[in-house]
Amino acid sequence: MPRVDERDVARQEADVACRRCGTVVGVRKNSVSQTSIQWRGDAATTCTELAERRAAGLHPALVPRCQALTESIDEAVRDGLVPIE
C-alpha cells in the first residue's frame, strides 16, 4: 500500500475561478514559487484560452499555461484566498 503523507491530506485546495472564462480549478501553494493546479472538468473545452489554441491547431497539452488563469491565481494569492503552506 502506498505511503500517505499526512501533510497532503491536511492541505486543502482553494477553488479559484478564471476571471476570463470562469473555469474553476483547485489551487494549492506549497511555496512562493510552487503552485499545484487541479483542473476540474475538461480544461480543453472549459478554458477559453486553451480552446482557442486548440482551434488554431495546437494540442492543449503543449500549451504551457493559460495566462488569464495564471493572473487569476496570482490575484487570489495576493488577496489571501490561496494560502502559502
Protein backbone atom coordinates (compact mmCIF):
# COMPACT_ATOMS: atom_id res chain seq x y z
CA MET A 1 0.00 0.00 0.00
CA PRO A 2 1.39 3.45 -0.91
CA ARG A 3 2.51 5.65 1.92
CA VAL A 4 0.25 8.65 2.51
CA ASP A 5 1.88 11.91 3.50
CA GLU A 6 -0.38 13.29 6.23
CA ARG A 7 0.62 16.84 5.25
CA ASP A 8 -1.03 16.30 1.86
CA VAL A 9 -4.21 15.04 3.49
CA ALA A 10 -4.42 18.10 5.73
CA ARG A 11 -3.87 20.61 2.91
CA GLN A 12 -6.95 21.81 1.15
CA GLU A 13 -7.12 23.14 -2.37
CA ALA A 14 -8.66 26.57 -2.77
CA ASP A 15 -11.11 26.95 -5.62
CA VAL A 16 -10.08 29.73 -7.99
CA ALA A 17 -12.20 30.84 -10.94
CA CYS A 18 -10.58 32.26 -14.05
CA ARG A 19 -11.60 35.88 -14.45
CA ARG A 20 -11.78 35.47 -18.22
CA CYS A 21 -13.90 32.35 -18.70
CA GLY A 22 -14.97 31.23 -15.22
CA THR A 23 -13.24 27.84 -15.34
CA VAL A 24 -12.71 26.69 -11.74
CA VAL A 25 -9.53 24.94 -10.64
CA GLY A 26 -8.26 23.72 -7.28
CA VAL A 27 -5.07 25.54 -6.24
CA ARG A 28 -2.52 24.80 -3.55
CA LYS A 29 0.72 26.70 -2.92
CA ASN A 30 3.50 24.92 -1.06
CA SER A 31 5.91 27.84 -1.51
CA VAL A 32 6.09 31.20 -3.25
CA SER A 33 7.44 29.59 -6.42
CA GLN A 34 5.43 26.34 -6.43
CA THR A 35 1.77 26.14 -7.43
CA SER A 36 -0.29 22.96 -7.78
CA ILE A 37 -3.34 23.21 -10.03
CA GLN A 38 -6.06 20.56 -10.24
CA TRP A 39 -8.32 21.10 -13.23
CA ARG A 40 -11.97 20.37 -12.66
CA GLY A 41 -13.61 19.09 -15.82
CA ASP A 42 -12.19 19.13 -19.34
CA ALA A 43 -9.86 22.13 -19.46
CA ALA A 44 -9.54 21.94 -23.23
CA THR A 45 -13.21 22.86 -23.59
CA THR A 46 -13.95 24.89 -20.44
CA CYS A 47 -10.89 27.14 -20.66
CA THR A 48 -11.43 29.71 -23.37
CA GLU A 49 -7.72 30.30 -23.94
CA LEU A 50 -6.89 26.59 -24.28
CA ALA A 51 -9.91 26.06 -26.56
CA GLU A 52 -8.76 28.92 -28.81
CA ARG A 53 -5.30 27.45 -29.07
CA ARG A 54 -6.73 24.01 -29.85
CA ALA A 55 -8.89 25.57 -32.59
CA ALA A 56 -5.69 27.09 -34.00
CA GLY A 57 -4.20 23.58 -34.27
CA LEU A 58 -2.19 23.38 -31.03
CA HIS A 59 -2.66 20.41 -28.72
CA PRO A 60 -3.72 21.67 -25.25
CA ALA A 61 -1.03 19.55 -23.58
CA LEU A 62 1.60 21.57 -25.43
CA VAL A 63 0.26 24.90 -24.19
CA PRO A 64 2.40 25.86 -21.19
CA ARG A 65 -0.33 27.74 -19.34
CA CYS A 66 -3.40 29.89 -19.56
CA GLN A 67 -2.30 33.46 -18.92
CA ALA A 68 -5.72 34.61 -17.67
CA LEU A 69 -5.88 31.75 -15.16
CA THR A 70 -2.31 32.43 -14.01
CA GLU A 71 -3.25 36.04 -13.35
CA SER A 72 -6.41 34.95 -11.51
CA ILE A 73 -4.38 32.63 -9.27
CA ASP A 74 -1.79 35.33 -8.58
CA GLU A 75 -4.58 37.72 -7.59
CA ALA A 76 -6.16 35.09 -5.29
CA VAL A 77 -2.77 34.58 -3.59
CA ARG A 78 -2.33 38.36 -3.11
CA ASP A 79 -5.86 38.57 -1.68
CA GLY A 80 -5.12 35.76 0.80
CA LEU A 81 -7.62 33.34 -0.76
CA VAL A 82 -4.85 30.83 -1.52
CA PRO A 83 -2.53 30.47 1.47
CA ILE A 84 1.12 29.60 1.01
CA GLU A 85 1.64 26.49 3.12
